[in-house]
N, C-alpha and C. Protein backbone atom coordinates (compact mmCIF):
# COMPACT_ATOMS: atom_id res chain seq x y z
N UNK A 1 0.77 -1.15 0.08
CA UNK A 1 -0.01 0.00 0.04
C UNK A 1 0.80 1.36 -0.04
N UNK A 2 1.70 0.96 0.93
CA UNK A 2 2.59 2.42 1.02
C UNK A 2 3.64 2.91 -0.37
N UNK A 3 3.78 1.69 -1.20
CA UNK A 3 4.41 1.93 -2.55
C UNK A 3 3.84 2.51 -3.52
N UNK A 4 2.53 2.43 -3.30
CA UNK A 4 1.64 3.02 -4.36
C UNK A 4 1.17 4.34 -4.15
N UNK A 5 1.24 4.72 -2.94
CA UNK A 5 0.48 6.25 -2.52
C UNK A 5 1.58 7.16 -2.90
N UNK A 6 1.25 8.36 -3.37
CA UNK A 6 2.28 9.29 -3.46
C UNK A 6 2.61 9.92 -1.99
N UNK A 7 3.76 10.99 -1.90
CA UNK A 7 3.88 11.42 -0.84
C UNK A 7 3.25 12.61 -0.74
N UNK A 8 3.00 13.03 0.30
CA UNK A 8 3.15 13.14 1.70
C UNK A 8 2.28 12.26 2.49
N UNK A 9 1.39 11.52 1.50
CA UNK A 9 0.40 10.67 1.48
C UNK A 9 0.71 8.98 2.36
N UNK A 10 1.71 8.60 1.89
CA UNK A 10 2.37 7.54 2.49
C UNK A 10 2.89 7.49 3.63
N UNK A 11 3.66 8.85 3.95
CA UNK A 11 4.33 8.98 5.25
C UNK A 11 2.99 9.14 6.39
N UNK A 12 1.88 9.84 6.08
CA UNK A 12 1.17 9.94 6.94
C UNK A 12 0.34 8.78 7.16
N UNK A 13 0.14 7.93 6.32
CA UNK A 13 -0.49 6.54 6.40
C UNK A 13 0.47 5.73 7.29
N UNK A 14 1.55 5.57 6.88
CA UNK A 14 2.68 5.33 8.03
C UNK A 14 2.79 5.09 9.03
N UNK A 15 2.82 6.82 9.50
CA UNK A 15 3.00 6.88 11.00
C UNK A 15 1.41 6.35 11.41
N UNK A 16 0.43 6.72 10.97
CA UNK A 16 -1.13 6.23 11.78
C UNK A 16 -0.80 4.87 11.97
N UNK A 17 -0.18 3.93 10.76
CA UNK A 17 -0.17 2.60 10.86
C UNK A 17 0.74 2.22 12.08
N UNK A 18 1.81 3.01 12.40
CA UNK A 18 2.87 2.33 13.15
C UNK A 18 2.59 3.12 14.47
N UNK A 19 1.83 4.20 14.59
CA UNK A 19 1.70 5.14 16.17
C UNK A 19 0.45 4.51 16.61
N UNK A 20 -0.76 4.46 15.63
CA UNK A 20 -2.23 4.11 16.34
C UNK A 20 -2.60 5.36 16.52
N UNK A 21 -2.05 6.17 16.24
CA UNK A 21 -2.79 7.98 16.33
C UNK A 21 -4.19 7.96 16.16
N UNK A 22 -4.87 8.68 16.97
CA UNK A 22 -6.47 8.95 16.11
C UNK A 22 -5.85 10.24 15.07
N UNK A 23 -6.96 10.35 13.95
CA UNK A 23 -6.99 11.45 12.91
C UNK A 23 -6.57 12.84 13.62
N UNK A 24 -7.37 13.22 14.50
CA UNK A 24 -7.01 14.36 15.45
C UNK A 24 -5.78 14.86 15.71
N UNK A 25 -5.24 13.66 16.43
CA UNK A 25 -3.98 13.61 16.78
C UNK A 25 -2.66 13.72 15.67
N UNK A 26 -2.94 13.08 14.47
CA UNK A 26 -2.23 13.36 13.42
C UNK A 26 -2.12 14.56 12.91
N UNK A 27 -3.25 15.15 12.75
CA UNK A 27 -3.35 16.63 12.18
C UNK A 27 -2.73 17.78 13.12
N UNK A 28 -2.59 17.52 14.60
CA UNK A 28 -2.23 18.46 15.41
C UNK A 28 -0.62 17.93 15.73
N UNK A 29 0.14 17.27 15.28
CA UNK A 29 1.63 16.63 15.38
C UNK A 29 2.37 18.08 15.09
N UNK A 30 3.29 18.22 15.51
CA UNK A 30 4.23 19.25 15.71
C UNK A 30 5.65 18.93 15.42
N UNK A 31 6.42 19.33 14.93
CA UNK A 31 8.08 19.23 14.73
C UNK A 31 8.50 18.94 16.40
N UNK A 32 7.93 19.66 17.28
CA UNK A 32 8.57 20.00 18.70
C UNK A 32 7.88 18.37 19.35
N UNK A 33 6.84 17.89 18.85
CA UNK A 33 6.87 16.13 19.29
C UNK A 33 7.45 15.16 18.92
N UNK A 34 8.55 15.67 18.06
CA UNK A 34 9.48 14.47 17.56
C UNK A 34 10.71 14.56 18.49
N UNK A 35 11.22 13.24 18.58
CA UNK A 35 12.63 13.36 19.42
C UNK A 35 13.38 12.00 18.64
N UNK A 36 14.39 12.12 18.78
CA UNK A 36 15.15 10.64 17.93
C UNK A 36 14.51 9.62 18.21
N UNK A 37 13.78 9.47 19.85
CA UNK A 37 13.35 8.11 20.38
C UNK A 37 11.93 8.04 20.16
N UNK A 38 11.21 9.09 20.15
CA UNK A 38 9.59 8.96 20.40
C UNK A 38 9.03 10.43 19.75
N UNK A 39 7.57 9.95 19.40
CA UNK A 39 6.65 10.80 18.70
C UNK A 39 5.65 11.17 19.75
N UNK A 40 5.14 12.21 20.28
CA UNK A 40 4.34 12.14 21.06
C UNK A 40 3.22 13.29 20.64
N UNK A 41 2.12 12.89 21.12
CA UNK A 41 0.83 13.63 20.62
C UNK A 41 0.33 14.81 21.58
N UNK A 42 0.98 16.06 21.32
CA UNK A 42 0.41 16.71 22.55
C UNK A 42 -0.88 17.55 22.21
N UNK A 43 -1.60 17.64 21.04
CA UNK A 43 -2.60 18.35 20.63
C UNK A 43 -3.53 17.39 19.64
N UNK A 44 -4.84 17.72 19.74
CA UNK A 44 -5.65 17.14 18.82
C UNK A 44 -6.54 18.42 18.06
N UNK A 45 -6.36 17.83 16.85
CA UNK A 45 -6.99 19.30 16.32
C UNK A 45 -8.08 18.55 15.51
N UNK A 46 -9.81 19.29 15.64
CA UNK A 46 -11.08 18.59 14.97
C UNK A 46 -11.21 19.79 14.51
N UNK A 47 -12.00 19.87 12.73
CA UNK A 47 -11.98 21.07 12.47
C UNK A 47 -11.00 22.26 12.37
N UNK A 48 -11.68 23.59 13.36
CA UNK A 48 -10.63 24.62 13.70
C UNK A 48 -10.48 24.58 15.28
N UNK A 49 -10.75 23.52 16.13
CA UNK A 49 -10.46 23.71 17.44
C UNK A 49 -9.10 22.43 17.88
N UNK A 50 -8.48 23.21 18.70
CA UNK A 50 -7.36 22.39 19.18
C UNK A 50 -7.65 22.34 20.76
N UNK A 51 -7.70 20.89 20.84
CA UNK A 51 -7.70 20.69 22.28
C UNK A 51 -6.69 19.39 22.84
N UNK A 52 -6.44 19.09 23.87
CA UNK A 52 -5.43 17.94 24.12
C UNK A 52 -5.84 16.75 23.81
N UNK A 53 -5.50 15.73 23.39
CA UNK A 53 -5.57 14.38 23.09
C UNK A 53 -6.30 13.74 24.10
N UNK A 54 -7.09 12.37 23.94
CA UNK A 54 -7.74 12.04 24.81
C UNK A 54 -6.99 11.25 25.82
N UNK A 55 -5.84 10.25 25.41
CA UNK A 55 -4.91 10.02 26.10
C UNK A 55 -3.52 10.23 26.03
C-alpha cells in the first residue's frame, strides 16, 4: 500500500499505522513533538478546534 501512495500521503499512512494515533492527533502533530526516540501527541485538531488528546 505504501509503495503505491504518493508522498506525503504515504508518510501519513505509515505514521498512522505504526503509532495508532487518531486522525485529530495526526493533524495536531508538530515538529516539537518528535525526538530521536519518540513521537508524542500533545494536541488534537478537530475542524478548527485545538484540544488536548484523549490519552
